Amino acid sequence: MARYTGPVCKLCRREGEKLFLKGNRCFSTKCPFEQGRDYPPGEHGRMARFRRRRPSDYSLQLREKQKVRRIYGVLERQFRRYFREAERRSGLTGENLLALLESRLDNVVYRLGFADSRVQARQLVQHGHFVVNGHRTHVPSYIVRPQDTVLVRAGSRKSEYFKERAEQLDEGAVPTWLSLDVKNMTARMVQTPGRGDIDLAVDEQLIVEYYSR
């Protein structure tokens, strides 16, 4: 299963903003942005902040596409497949794309509060800690659908990690398109997430324009 394995802080620096790819570390003084290293990585990155050249339309579209890819931890080929699927669905393509990405099992696990980051959530899913509709799954890209149930496997609940998580879970912090039963560590997708439910500062229309060139 292909995934990016390089330093993720460089991805944030390349996009010029925090993408919160390392969970709690992004809020600490170890974050490069907190240390003043908010310029792009590389030999000439420090000088980039002094360039005044206006970015082209293509550059803006590319950067937005790359930012969303990196937030969800999806490589280019898979991201393109999501876009084609979003095109086939009724409604706005950009909103359909974000809804698909939000419905990934690793993102659902992250949104429920079982992990501090999507990277950590992906690892938990791959290790088989979650059951979807009664079936144990190891696939982070599994698309959760309305009325699907997601729960922590009975054996995993006995681990120290999930015992500590159970104390930190907050039903009120869960998005409205999900419901969580903290006591039983069980969740359900109430509905497909709409654009208003997705708290990402991205312009999905730029991504549509990028693939429509």
Protein backbone atom coordinates (compact mmCIF):
# COMPACT_ATOMS: atom_id res chain seq x y z
CA MET A 1 0.00 0.00 0.00
CA ALA A 2 1.70 3.17 -1.23
CA ARG A 3 2.05 6.14 1.09
CA TYR A 4 4.33 9.11 1.68
CA THR A 5 7.10 8.24 4.16
CA GLY A 6 9.20 11.42 4.10
CA PRO A 7 9.34 14.25 6.66
CA VAL A 8 5.84 15.67 6.92
CA CYS A 9 6.86 19.04 8.36
CA LYS A 10 8.38 19.82 4.97
CA LEU A 11 4.95 19.37 3.41
CA CYS A 12 3.49 22.05 5.68
CA ARG A 13 6.37 24.39 4.91
CA ARG A 14 5.91 23.83 1.19
CA GLU A 15 2.25 24.80 1.41
CA GLY A 16 3.05 27.77 3.66
CA GLU A 17 0.63 26.81 6.40
CA LYS A 18 0.06 24.23 9.12
CA LEU A 19 -1.65 21.10 7.81
CA PHE A 20 -1.65 19.48 11.28
CA LEU A 21 -0.10 16.26 10.03
CA LYS A 22 1.61 15.34 13.33
CA GLY A 23 -1.22 15.80 15.81
CA ASN A 24 -0.29 17.44 19.11
CA ARG A 25 3.26 18.16 17.94
CA CYS A 26 1.82 20.80 15.60
CA PHE A 27 0.69 22.78 18.66
CA SER A 28 4.06 22.56 20.40
CA THR A 29 7.26 24.59 20.10
CA LYS A 30 8.76 21.76 18.02
CA CYS A 31 6.64 22.82 15.05
CA PRO A 32 8.81 24.63 12.44
CA PHE A 33 6.18 27.38 12.16
CA GLU A 34 6.58 28.11 15.87
CA GLN A 35 10.34 28.35 15.33
CA GLY A 36 10.03 30.87 12.51
CA ARG A 37 10.81 28.34 9.76
CA ASP A 38 7.66 29.05 7.78
CA TYR A 39 9.47 29.31 4.44
CA PRO A 40 9.59 26.51 1.82
CA PRO A 41 12.15 23.72 2.35
CA GLY A 42 15.25 23.45 0.22
CA GLU A 43 18.38 25.44 -0.53
CA HIS A 44 16.53 28.51 -1.78
CA GLY A 45 13.47 28.26 0.43
CA ARG A 46 14.46 31.12 2.73
CA MET A 47 14.64 33.53 -0.22
CA ALA A 48 11.14 32.57 -1.43
CA ARG A 49 9.51 34.88 1.11
CA PHE A 50 11.14 37.88 -0.61
CA ARG A 51 9.86 37.04 -4.09
CA ARG A 52 7.07 39.28 -5.25
CA ARG A 53 6.07 37.40 -8.40
CA ARG A 54 2.32 36.91 -8.70
CA PRO A 55 1.45 33.20 -8.85
CA SER A 56 -0.24 31.98 -12.04
CA ASP A 57 -3.72 30.43 -12.08
CA TYR A 58 -2.12 27.03 -12.67
CA SER A 59 0.16 27.50 -9.65
CA LEU A 60 -2.80 28.33 -7.40
CA GLN A 61 -4.74 25.30 -8.66
CA LEU A 62 -1.77 22.97 -8.21
CA ARG A 63 -1.01 24.17 -4.69
CA GLU A 64 -4.64 23.71 -3.61
CA LYS A 65 -4.71 20.21 -5.02
CA GLN A 66 -1.43 19.32 -3.34
CA LYS A 67 -2.60 20.77 -0.03
CA VAL A 68 -5.76 18.63 0.06
CA ARG A 69 -3.82 15.53 -1.00
CA ARG A 70 -1.37 16.03 1.82
CA ILE A 71 -4.02 16.74 4.45
CA TYR A 72 -5.68 13.38 3.76
CA GLY A 73 -2.45 11.48 3.03
CA VAL A 74 -3.45 10.41 -0.48
CA LEU A 75 -1.04 9.93 -3.37
CA GLU A 76 -1.70 11.35 -6.84
CA ARG A 77 -3.11 8.30 -8.61
CA GLN A 78 -5.60 7.55 -5.84
CA PHE A 79 -6.55 11.21 -5.56
CA ARG A 80 -7.31 11.30 -9.26
CA ARG A 81 -9.58 8.26 -8.86
CA TYR A 82 -11.47 10.06 -6.10
CA PHE A 83 -11.91 13.04 -8.40
CA ARG A 84 -13.30 10.87 -11.23
CA GLU A 85 -15.74 9.27 -8.79
CA ALA A 86 -16.77 12.74 -7.57
CA GLU A 87 -17.45 13.76 -11.18
CA ARG A 88 -19.79 10.79 -11.69
CA ARG A 89 -21.91 11.68 -8.66
CA SER A 90 -24.70 14.23 -8.78
CA GLY A 91 -24.02 17.62 -7.26
CA LEU A 92 -20.93 19.82 -7.17
CA THR A 93 -17.76 17.89 -8.02
CA GLY A 94 -15.58 19.75 -5.52
CA GLU A 95 -17.95 19.12 -2.63
CA ASN A 96 -18.35 15.47 -3.68
CA LEU A 97 -14.56 15.11 -3.64
CA LEU A 98 -14.23 16.44 -0.10
CA ALA A 99 -17.14 14.24 1.05
CA LEU A 100 -15.38 11.15 -0.35
CA LEU A 101 -12.13 12.03 1.38
CA GLU A 102 -13.92 12.71 4.67
CA SER A 103 -15.66 9.33 4.41
CA ARG A 104 -12.39 7.38 4.37
CA LEU A 105 -12.16 5.09 7.39
CA ASP A 106 -8.87 6.58 8.60
CA ASN A 107 -10.39 10.08 8.51
CA VAL A 108 -13.53 8.88 10.32
CA VAL A 109 -11.34 7.35 13.05
CA TYR A 110 -9.49 10.67 13.32
CA ARG A 111 -12.70 12.74 13.42
CA LEU A 112 -14.09 10.51 16.18
CA GLY A 113 -11.07 11.31 18.34
CA PHE A 114 -9.49 7.85 18.40
CA ALA A 115 -6.25 9.34 17.00
CA ASP A 116 -4.41 12.66 17.15
CA SER A 117 -3.72 12.74 13.41
CA ARG A 118 -4.81 11.03 10.22
CA VAL A 119 -1.40 9.35 10.02
CA GLN A 120 -1.93 7.79 13.43
CA ALA A 121 -5.49 6.83 12.50
CA ARG A 122 -4.23 5.12 9.36
CA GLN A 123 -1.81 3.06 11.43
CA LEU A 124 -4.53 2.04 13.88
CA VAL A 125 -6.75 0.85 11.02
CA GLN A 126 -3.92 -1.07 9.38
CA HIS A 127 -3.28 -2.87 12.65
CA GLY A 128 -6.86 -4.11 12.65
CA HIS A 129 -8.19 -2.27 15.70
CA PHE A 130 -11.54 -1.35 14.07
CA VAL A 131 -14.62 -3.26 12.96
CA VAL A 132 -17.00 -1.88 10.32
CA ASN A 133 -20.49 -3.38 10.15
CA GLY A 134 -19.30 -6.44 12.03
CA HIS A 135 -16.25 -7.04 9.86
CA ARG A 136 -12.68 -6.31 10.90
CA THR A 137 -10.95 -4.18 8.28
CA HIS A 138 -7.32 -3.21 7.68
CA VAL A 139 -8.03 -0.81 4.80
CA PRO A 140 -7.63 2.91 5.65
CA SER A 141 -9.23 3.95 2.34
CA TYR A 142 -12.44 2.03 3.05
CA ILE A 143 -15.37 4.38 2.32
CA VAL A 144 -17.78 4.55 5.26
CA ARG A 145 -21.40 5.11 4.20
CA PRO A 146 -24.45 6.49 6.02
CA GLN A 147 -25.74 4.11 8.73
CA ASP A 148 -22.46 2.15 8.79
CA THR A 149 -21.20 1.37 12.29
CA VAL A 150 -17.55 1.65 13.31
CA LEU A 151 -16.34 0.25 16.62
CA VAL A 152 -13.12 -0.57 18.39
CA ARG A 153 -12.46 -4.31 18.34
CA ALA A 154 -13.21 -5.99 21.67
CA GLY A 155 -9.64 -7.21 22.09
CA SER A 156 -8.22 -3.76 21.35
CA ARG A 157 -10.32 -2.08 24.05
CA LYS A 158 -8.22 -3.85 26.68
CA SER A 159 -5.02 -2.14 25.52
CA GLU A 160 -3.63 0.81 27.50
CA TYR A 161 -3.90 3.04 24.44
CA PHE A 162 -7.66 2.66 24.06
CA LYS A 163 -8.25 2.73 27.82
CA GLU A 164 -6.60 6.16 27.89
CA ARG A 165 -8.48 7.23 24.75
CA ALA A 166 -11.81 6.31 26.31
CA GLU A 167 -11.16 8.87 29.04
CA GLN A 168 -10.35 11.58 26.47
CA LEU A 169 -13.23 10.99 24.05
CA ASP A 170 -15.88 13.70 23.90
CA GLU A 171 -19.20 13.06 22.18
CA GLY A 172 -19.77 16.80 21.87
CA ALA A 173 -16.57 17.27 19.86
CA VAL A 174 -17.62 14.79 17.17
CA PRO A 175 -18.87 16.27 13.84
CA THR A 176 -22.64 16.30 13.38
CA TRP A 177 -22.46 13.75 10.55
CA LEU A 178 -21.12 11.19 13.03
CA SER A 179 -22.48 9.88 16.32
CA LEU A 180 -20.33 8.37 19.07
CA ASP A 181 -21.14 6.16 22.04
CA VAL A 182 -18.12 6.66 24.30
CA LYS A 183 -19.08 3.94 26.78
CA ASN A 184 -19.18 1.22 24.11
CA MET A 185 -16.59 2.88 21.85
CA THR A 186 -19.02 2.56 18.99
CA ALA A 187 -19.79 5.11 16.28
CA ARG A 188 -22.17 5.49 13.36
CA MET A 189 -22.17 7.66 10.27
CA VAL A 190 -25.42 9.59 10.45
CA GLN A 191 -25.20 11.15 6.99
CA THR A 192 -22.78 11.98 4.22
CA PRO A 193 -20.75 15.05 5.27
CA GLY A 194 -21.72 18.27 3.51
CA ARG A 195 -19.40 21.16 2.73
CA GLY A 196 -20.55 22.99 5.84
CA ASP A 197 -19.48 20.02 7.97
CA ILE A 198 -15.90 20.05 6.71
CA ASP A 199 -13.74 22.55 8.56
CA LEU A 200 -10.97 22.87 5.98
CA ALA A 201 -9.83 26.24 4.64
CA VAL A 202 -9.55 25.04 1.06
CA ASP A 203 -11.04 26.15 -2.24
CA GLU A 204 -12.18 22.91 -3.85
CA GLN A 205 -13.18 24.74 -7.04
CA LEU A 206 -9.49 25.30 -7.80
CA ILE A 207 -9.01 21.53 -7.76
CA VAL A 208 -11.89 21.10 -10.20
CA GLU A 209 -10.29 23.69 -12.47
CA TYR A 210 -6.92 21.92 -12.21
CA TYR A 211 -8.32 18.61 -13.48
CA SER A 212 -10.50 20.34 -16.07
CA ARG A 213 -7.58 21.89 -17.94
